[in-house]
């Protein structure tokens, strides 16, 4: 049976630029004893974007999504970010160029959706759920 993080609370998260890793520490604690803890571990992280970063947040899901759909949806954010701060690091003049470079690097887009609070996306090589 695969682990579910639906309705888990994000109680903390770590962003490690050296290890290129992001970990969302989550727990499901709706009257169950003890709370069920699950880490969402992104490996080989290139970039990420989190919004509504309040803790605890209630997570709906984390799933791999089509890169093109995120890049089209967040085109203005990505273009404006690059002009101001050089983010994201995968920025190119066109969406097709970004998709090609990310694909060649083995990167995938993972979308974090929430019922309440933190959401966004992570560009990484992998994502796994690990029971703690």
C-alpha atoms as a PDB file:
ATOM      1  CA  UNK A   1       0.000   0.000   0.000  1.00  0.00           C
ATOM      2  CA  UNK A   2       1.435   3.396  -0.936  1.00  0.00           C
ATOM      3  CA  UNK A   3       1.665   6.189   1.610  1.00  0.00           C
ATOM      4  CA  UNK A   4      -0.937   8.925   1.522  1.00  0.00           C
ATOM      5  CA  UNK A   5      -0.295  12.504   2.551  1.00  0.00           C
ATOM      6  CA  UNK A   6      -3.833  13.738   1.880  1.00  0.00           C
ATOM      7  CA  UNK A   7      -4.937  15.986   4.777  1.00  0.00           C
ATOM      8  CA  UNK A   8      -1.531  15.768   6.450  1.00  0.00           C
ATOM      9  CA  UNK A   9      -0.252  18.881   8.174  1.00  0.00           C
ATOM     10  CA  UNK A  10       3.087  20.269   7.018  1.00  0.00           C
ATOM     11  CA  UNK A  11       4.699  20.903  10.379  1.00  0.00           C
ATOM     12  CA  UNK A  12       8.082  22.015   9.025  1.00  0.00           C
ATOM     13  CA  UNK A  13      10.250  21.861   5.950  1.00  0.00           C
ATOM     14  CA  UNK A  14      13.950  21.937   5.106  1.00  0.00           C
ATOM     15  CA  UNK A  15      15.627  23.388   2.031  1.00  0.00           C
ATOM     16  CA  UNK A  16      19.237  22.206   1.679  1.00  0.00           C
ATOM     17  CA  UNK A  17      21.073  23.881  -1.197  1.00  0.00           C
ATOM     18  CA  UNK A  18      24.236  21.840  -0.711  1.00  0.00           C
ATOM     19  CA  UNK A  19      22.515  18.435  -0.753  1.00  0.00           C
ATOM     20  CA  UNK A  20      20.004  19.726  -3.342  1.00  0.00           C
ATOM     21  CA  UNK A  21      17.168  18.387  -1.236  1.00  0.00           C
ATOM     22  CA  UNK A  22      13.862  19.626   0.144  1.00  0.00           C
ATOM     23  CA  UNK A  23      12.001  17.721   2.835  1.00  0.00           C
ATOM     24  CA  UNK A  24       8.425  18.436   3.889  1.00  0.00           C
ATOM     25  CA  UNK A  25       7.810  16.997   7.362  1.00  0.00           C
ATOM     26  CA  UNK A  26       4.135  16.078   7.608  1.00  0.00           C
ATOM     27  CA  UNK A  27       1.852  14.407  10.099  1.00  0.00           C
ATOM     28  CA  UNK A  28      -1.653  13.047  10.120  1.00  0.00           C
ATOM     29  CA  UNK A  29      -3.011  13.583  13.618  1.00  0.00           C
ATOM     30  CA  UNK A  30      -6.785  13.496  13.542  1.00  0.00           C
ATOM     31  CA  UNK A  31      -7.442  11.612  16.772  1.00  0.00           C
ATOM     32  CA  UNK A  32      -5.118   8.749  15.909  1.00  0.00           C
ATOM     33  CA  UNK A  33      -2.591   7.683  18.525  1.00  0.00           C
ATOM     34  CA  UNK A  34       0.230   8.180  17.746  1.00  0.00           C
ATOM     35  CA  UNK A  35       0.270  10.653  14.853  1.00  0.00           C
ATOM     36  CA  UNK A  36       1.274   9.192  11.489  1.00  0.00           C
ATOM     37  CA  UNK A  37       4.395  11.019  10.258  1.00  0.00           C
ATOM     38  CA  UNK A  38       5.446  11.081   6.614  1.00  0.00           C
ATOM     39  CA  UNK A  39       8.310  12.970   4.990  1.00  0.00           C
ATOM     40  CA  UNK A  40       8.047  14.122   1.394  1.00  0.00           C
ATOM     41  CA  UNK A  41      11.616  14.070   0.083  1.00  0.00           C
ATOM     42  CA  UNK A  42      12.596  15.853  -3.122  1.00  0.00           C
ATOM     43  CA  UNK A  43      16.036  14.814  -4.397  1.00  0.00           C
ATOM     44  CA  UNK A  44      18.245  16.495  -6.974  1.00  0.00           C
ATOM     45  CA  UNK A  45      16.426  19.798  -6.507  1.00  0.00           C
ATOM     46  CA  UNK A  46      17.106  22.492  -9.104  1.00  0.00           C
ATOM     47  CA  UNK A  47      14.546  25.125  -8.061  1.00  0.00           C
ATOM     48  CA  UNK A  48      11.336  25.555  -6.123  1.00  0.00           C
ATOM     49  CA  UNK A  49       8.532  28.028  -5.612  1.00  0.00           C
ATOM     50  CA  UNK A  50       6.451  28.088  -2.426  1.00  0.00           C
ATOM     51  CA  UNK A  51       3.602  30.507  -1.788  1.00  0.00           C
ATOM     52  CA  UNK A  52       1.274  30.924   1.183  1.00  0.00           C
ATOM     53  CA  UNK A  53       3.996  29.586   3.430  1.00  0.00           C
ATOM     54  CA  UNK A  54       2.204  29.287   6.748  1.00  0.00           C
ATOM     55  CA  UNK A  55       2.741  26.490   9.205  1.00  0.00           C
ATOM     56  CA  UNK A  56       1.078  24.265   9.829  1.00  0.00           C
ATOM     57  CA  UNK A  57      -0.433  23.931   6.379  1.00  0.00           C
ATOM     58  CA  UNK A  58      -2.835  21.205   5.315  1.00  0.00           C
ATOM     59  CA  UNK A  59      -1.586  19.383   2.254  1.00  0.00           C
ATOM     60  CA  UNK A  60      -3.908  18.024  -0.399  1.00  0.00           C
ATOM     61  CA  UNK A  61      -1.362  16.208  -2.577  1.00  0.00           C
ATOM     62  CA  UNK A  62       2.101  16.211  -4.116  1.00  0.00           C
ATOM     63  CA  UNK A  63       2.249  14.863  -7.622  1.00  0.00           C
ATOM     64  CA  UNK A  64       4.360  14.948 -10.731  1.00  0.00           C
ATOM     65  CA  UNK A  65       2.775  17.245 -13.308  1.00  0.00           C
ATOM     66  CA  UNK A  66       3.441  18.117 -16.914  1.00  0.00           C
ATOM     67  CA  UNK A  67       6.262  20.661 -16.983  1.00  0.00           C
ATOM     68  CA  UNK A  68       4.688  22.657 -19.790  1.00  0.00           C
ATOM     69  CA  UNK A  69       1.448  23.247 -17.873  1.00  0.00           C
ATOM     70  CA  UNK A  70       3.281  24.800 -14.897  1.00  0.00           C
ATOM     71  CA  UNK A  71       5.555  26.901 -17.101  1.00  0.00           C
ATOM     72  CA  UNK A  72       2.601  28.264 -19.065  1.00  0.00           C
ATOM     73  CA  UNK A  73       0.518  28.913 -15.951  1.00  0.00           C
ATOM     74  CA  UNK A  74       3.370  30.654 -14.097  1.00  0.00           C
ATOM     75  CA  UNK A  75       5.006  32.290 -17.135  1.00  0.00           C
ATOM     76  CA  UNK A  76       4.694  35.847 -15.797  1.00  0.00           C
ATOM     77  CA  UNK A  77       6.041  34.879 -12.375  1.00  0.00           C
ATOM     78  CA  UNK A  78       9.008  33.044 -13.921  1.00  0.00           C
ATOM     79  CA  UNK A  79       9.858  35.841 -16.365  1.00  0.00           C
ATOM     80  CA  UNK A  80       9.532  38.572 -13.738  1.00  0.00           C
ATOM     81  CA  UNK A  81      11.559  36.593 -11.215  1.00  0.00           C
ATOM     82  CA  UNK A  82      14.410  36.203 -13.659  1.00  0.00           C
ATOM     83  CA  UNK A  83      14.510  39.905 -14.418  1.00  0.00           C
ATOM     84  CA  UNK A  84      14.699  40.820 -10.738  1.00  0.00           C
ATOM     85  CA  UNK A  85      16.735  38.066  -9.088  1.00  0.00           C
ATOM     86  CA  UNK A  86      17.962  35.537 -11.631  1.00  0.00           C
ATOM     87  CA  UNK A  87      15.378  32.995 -10.505  1.00  0.00           C
ATOM     88  CA  UNK A  88      14.608  30.363 -11.643  1.00  0.00           C
ATOM     89  CA  UNK A  89      17.995  28.979 -12.590  1.00  0.00           C
ATOM     90  CA  UNK A  90      16.478  27.106 -15.541  1.00  0.00           C
ATOM     91  CA  UNK A  91      15.183  30.306 -17.179  1.00  0.00           C
ATOM     92  CA  UNK A  92      15.495  30.493 -20.985  1.00  0.00           C
ATOM     93  CA  UNK A  93      13.977  32.734 -23.642  1.00  0.00           C
ATOM     94  CA  UNK A  94      11.200  30.263 -24.441  1.00  0.00           C
ATOM     95  CA  UNK A  95       9.134  27.640 -22.695  1.00  0.00           C
ATOM     96  CA  UNK A  96      10.242  25.042 -25.255  1.00  0.00           C
ATOM     97  CA  UNK A  97      13.907  25.711 -24.397  1.00  0.00           C
ATOM     98  CA  UNK A  98      13.179  25.373 -20.671  1.00  0.00           C
ATOM     99  CA  UNK A  99      11.310  22.111 -21.194  1.00  0.00           C
ATOM    100  CA  UNK A 100      14.153  20.704 -23.312  1.00  0.00           C
ATOM    101  CA  UNK A 101      16.858  21.645 -20.772  1.00  0.00           C
ATOM    102  CA  UNK A 102      14.876  20.284 -17.826  1.00  0.00           C
ATOM    103  CA  UNK A 103      14.164  17.041 -19.673  1.00  0.00           C
ATOM    104  CA  UNK A 104      17.810  16.571 -20.648  1.00  0.00           C
ATOM    105  CA  UNK A 105      18.806  17.062 -16.997  1.00  0.00           C
ATOM    106  CA  UNK A 106      16.315  14.412 -15.873  1.00  0.00           C
ATOM    107  CA  UNK A 107      14.216  17.004 -14.025  1.00  0.00           C
ATOM    108  CA  UNK A 108      10.515  16.726 -13.320  1.00  0.00           C
ATOM    109  CA  UNK A 109       7.985  19.198 -11.952  1.00  0.00           C
ATOM    110  CA  UNK A 110       6.188  18.277  -8.755  1.00  0.00           C
ATOM    111  CA  UNK A 111       3.207  20.329  -7.708  1.00  0.00           C
ATOM    112  CA  UNK A 112       2.307  20.779  -4.049  1.00  0.00           C
ATOM    113  CA  UNK A 113      -1.387  21.467  -3.653  1.00  0.00           C
ATOM    114  CA  UNK A 114      -2.941  22.335  -0.342  1.00  0.00           C
ATOM    115  CA  UNK A 115      -6.284  22.600   1.330  1.00  0.00           C
ATOM    116  CA  UNK A 116      -4.879  25.376   3.498  1.00  0.00           C
ATOM    117  CA  UNK A 117      -1.576  27.226   3.360  1.00  0.00           C
ATOM    118  CA  UNK A 118       1.628  26.289   1.577  1.00  0.00           C
ATOM    119  CA  UNK A 119       1.469  25.330  -2.068  1.00  0.00           C
ATOM    120  CA  UNK A 120       3.754  25.640  -5.066  1.00  0.00           C
ATOM    121  CA  UNK A 121       6.138  23.464  -7.032  1.00  0.00           C
ATOM    122  CA  UNK A 122       9.558  21.833  -6.970  1.00  0.00           C
ATOM    123  CA  UNK A 123      11.829  21.047  -9.931  1.00  0.00           C
ATOM    124  CA  UNK A 124      13.760  17.932  -8.950  1.00  0.00           C
ATOM    125  CA  UNK A 125      14.981  14.560 -10.159  1.00  0.00           C
ATOM    126  CA  UNK A 126      12.839  12.622  -7.690  1.00  0.00           C
ATOM    127  CA  UNK A 127      10.121  12.714  -5.065  1.00  0.00           C
ATOM    128  CA  UNK A 128       9.379  10.031  -2.505  1.00  0.00           C
ATOM    129  CA  UNK A 129       7.146   9.649   0.541  1.00  0.00           C
ATOM    130  CA  UNK A 130       8.832   8.066   3.552  1.00  0.00           C
ATOM    131  CA  UNK A 131       7.166   6.952   6.753  1.00  0.00           C
ATOM    132  CA  UNK A 132       8.989   8.292   9.800  1.00  0.00           C
END
